[in-house]
Amino acid sequence: MKYPTEKRMLWLSQVRSVPYRQRVELAAKNGFGWLSTSPMDYKNTRAGGL
């Protein structure tokens, strides 16, 4: 079954070791409309300047 982009989510557990910016690019390139995150991941990303 094929799902539309707006319903596909790239889960953090699949790409935890990849830097946030690269995760966004990976998600967009592969047709994911959403990218999950965690509170700590968000905090670290913001502290890193994004």
Protein backbone atom coordinates (compact mmCIF):
# COMPACT_ATOMS: atom_id res chain seq x y z
CA MET A 1 0.00 0.00 0.00
CA LYS A 2 1.33 3.42 -0.92
CA TYR A 3 0.78 6.29 1.51
CA PRO A 4 0.77 9.98 0.57
CA THR A 5 3.76 12.03 1.73
CA GLU A 6 1.76 13.96 4.32
CA LYS A 7 1.03 10.68 6.14
CA ARG A 8 4.55 9.22 6.17
CA MET A 9 6.77 9.75 9.24
CA LEU A 10 10.49 9.13 9.60
CA TRP A 11 10.89 7.97 13.18
CA LEU A 12 13.80 9.22 15.27
CA SER A 13 14.73 5.67 16.29
CA GLN A 14 15.63 4.91 12.66
CA VAL A 15 18.07 7.82 12.31
CA ARG A 16 19.10 8.74 15.87
CA SER A 17 22.83 8.88 15.06
CA VAL A 18 22.32 11.21 12.06
CA PRO A 19 22.63 14.99 12.69
CA TYR A 20 19.28 16.84 12.61
CA ARG A 21 19.90 18.81 9.42
CA GLN A 22 20.77 15.59 7.58
CA ARG A 23 17.61 13.92 8.97
CA VAL A 24 15.48 16.70 7.50
CA GLU A 25 17.21 16.31 4.13
CA LEU A 26 16.86 12.53 4.28
CA ALA A 27 13.16 12.76 5.10
CA ALA A 28 12.48 15.21 2.27
CA LYS A 29 14.50 13.25 -0.26
CA ASN A 30 12.69 10.00 0.55
CA GLY A 31 9.13 11.27 0.62
CA PHE A 32 8.46 11.64 4.34
CA GLY A 33 6.13 14.44 5.37
CA TRP A 34 6.95 14.24 9.09
CA LEU A 35 10.02 13.73 11.24
CA SER A 36 9.70 12.63 14.85
CA THR A 37 11.92 13.97 17.61
CA SER A 38 12.31 13.74 21.36
CA PRO A 39 12.53 16.49 23.99
CA MET A 40 16.28 15.91 24.44
CA ASP A 41 16.87 15.79 20.68
CA TYR A 42 15.00 19.09 20.32
CA LYS A 43 16.99 20.68 23.15
CA ASN A 44 20.33 19.55 21.68
CA THR A 45 19.37 20.72 18.21
CA ARG A 46 18.39 24.17 19.50
CA ALA A 47 21.58 24.38 21.59
CA GLY A 48 23.54 23.58 18.43
CA GLY A 49 22.14 26.64 16.67
CA LEU A 50 19.23 25.30 14.64
